[in-house]
Amino acid sequence: MLGHTSSAAIKARSKRTKIEQQRSTDPKQRAYLSRWLIWPSHADSIEFFSNFITRSLIDYANGKSLVCAMIYQGELVGNVSFNSIDHTLKKVEIGYWLSCDFQGKGIVTRAVTKLIELAFTQYEMEKVEIAVAVNNTASRNVCERLGFSLEGVITRAENLNGKIVDHAIYGLQR
């Protein structure tokens, strides 16, 4: 339930929001993340991140999604999430992003591994799915390293900041 929030939780949320804004407003980060995600071009204020956190908490409370921060050596470096949780189909869709400064350290692989474990044990899901831009080699490598199967490609799947991209769909069955 979201009704009661302690002052410590509000302070922590505010600090995370400010850190997130600082990282995402860095021109280098925005340019990197905008290659694969639509939101960095809109992430230009504390209000944007505060609204994101509020929506994430509401969706979590309603059983629709789960957003987690990725912390590396005490620093917020990205997030990993169940973008959607479908209790009827017993399927979750995982999404993630990672700061360009922390690539190649196995952070995403470890974080996604934990979410897979959570999906199959605590959430009792039967399938985990990840959709990645066809040209996003790093994300495709994560899927393949973790044993996902390429189920197909959806052409013209997304308008990514003015560029139409195809998505490779990866699935992992329980």
Foldseek 3Di string as FASTA:
>chain_A
DPPDDDPVRVVVLLVVLVLVLVLLVPVVQLVVCLVWAQCSVVSHDSVVSVVVVVVQVVCVVVVFKHKDFQADPNHGFKIKMQNGQDLVQLETEIDMDGGPVPPPPCSVLVVVVVVVVCSCPVVVGFKYKYKGFPPPVSVVVSLVVVPWDFPDKAFQPDCRVNDGTIITMTMDGD
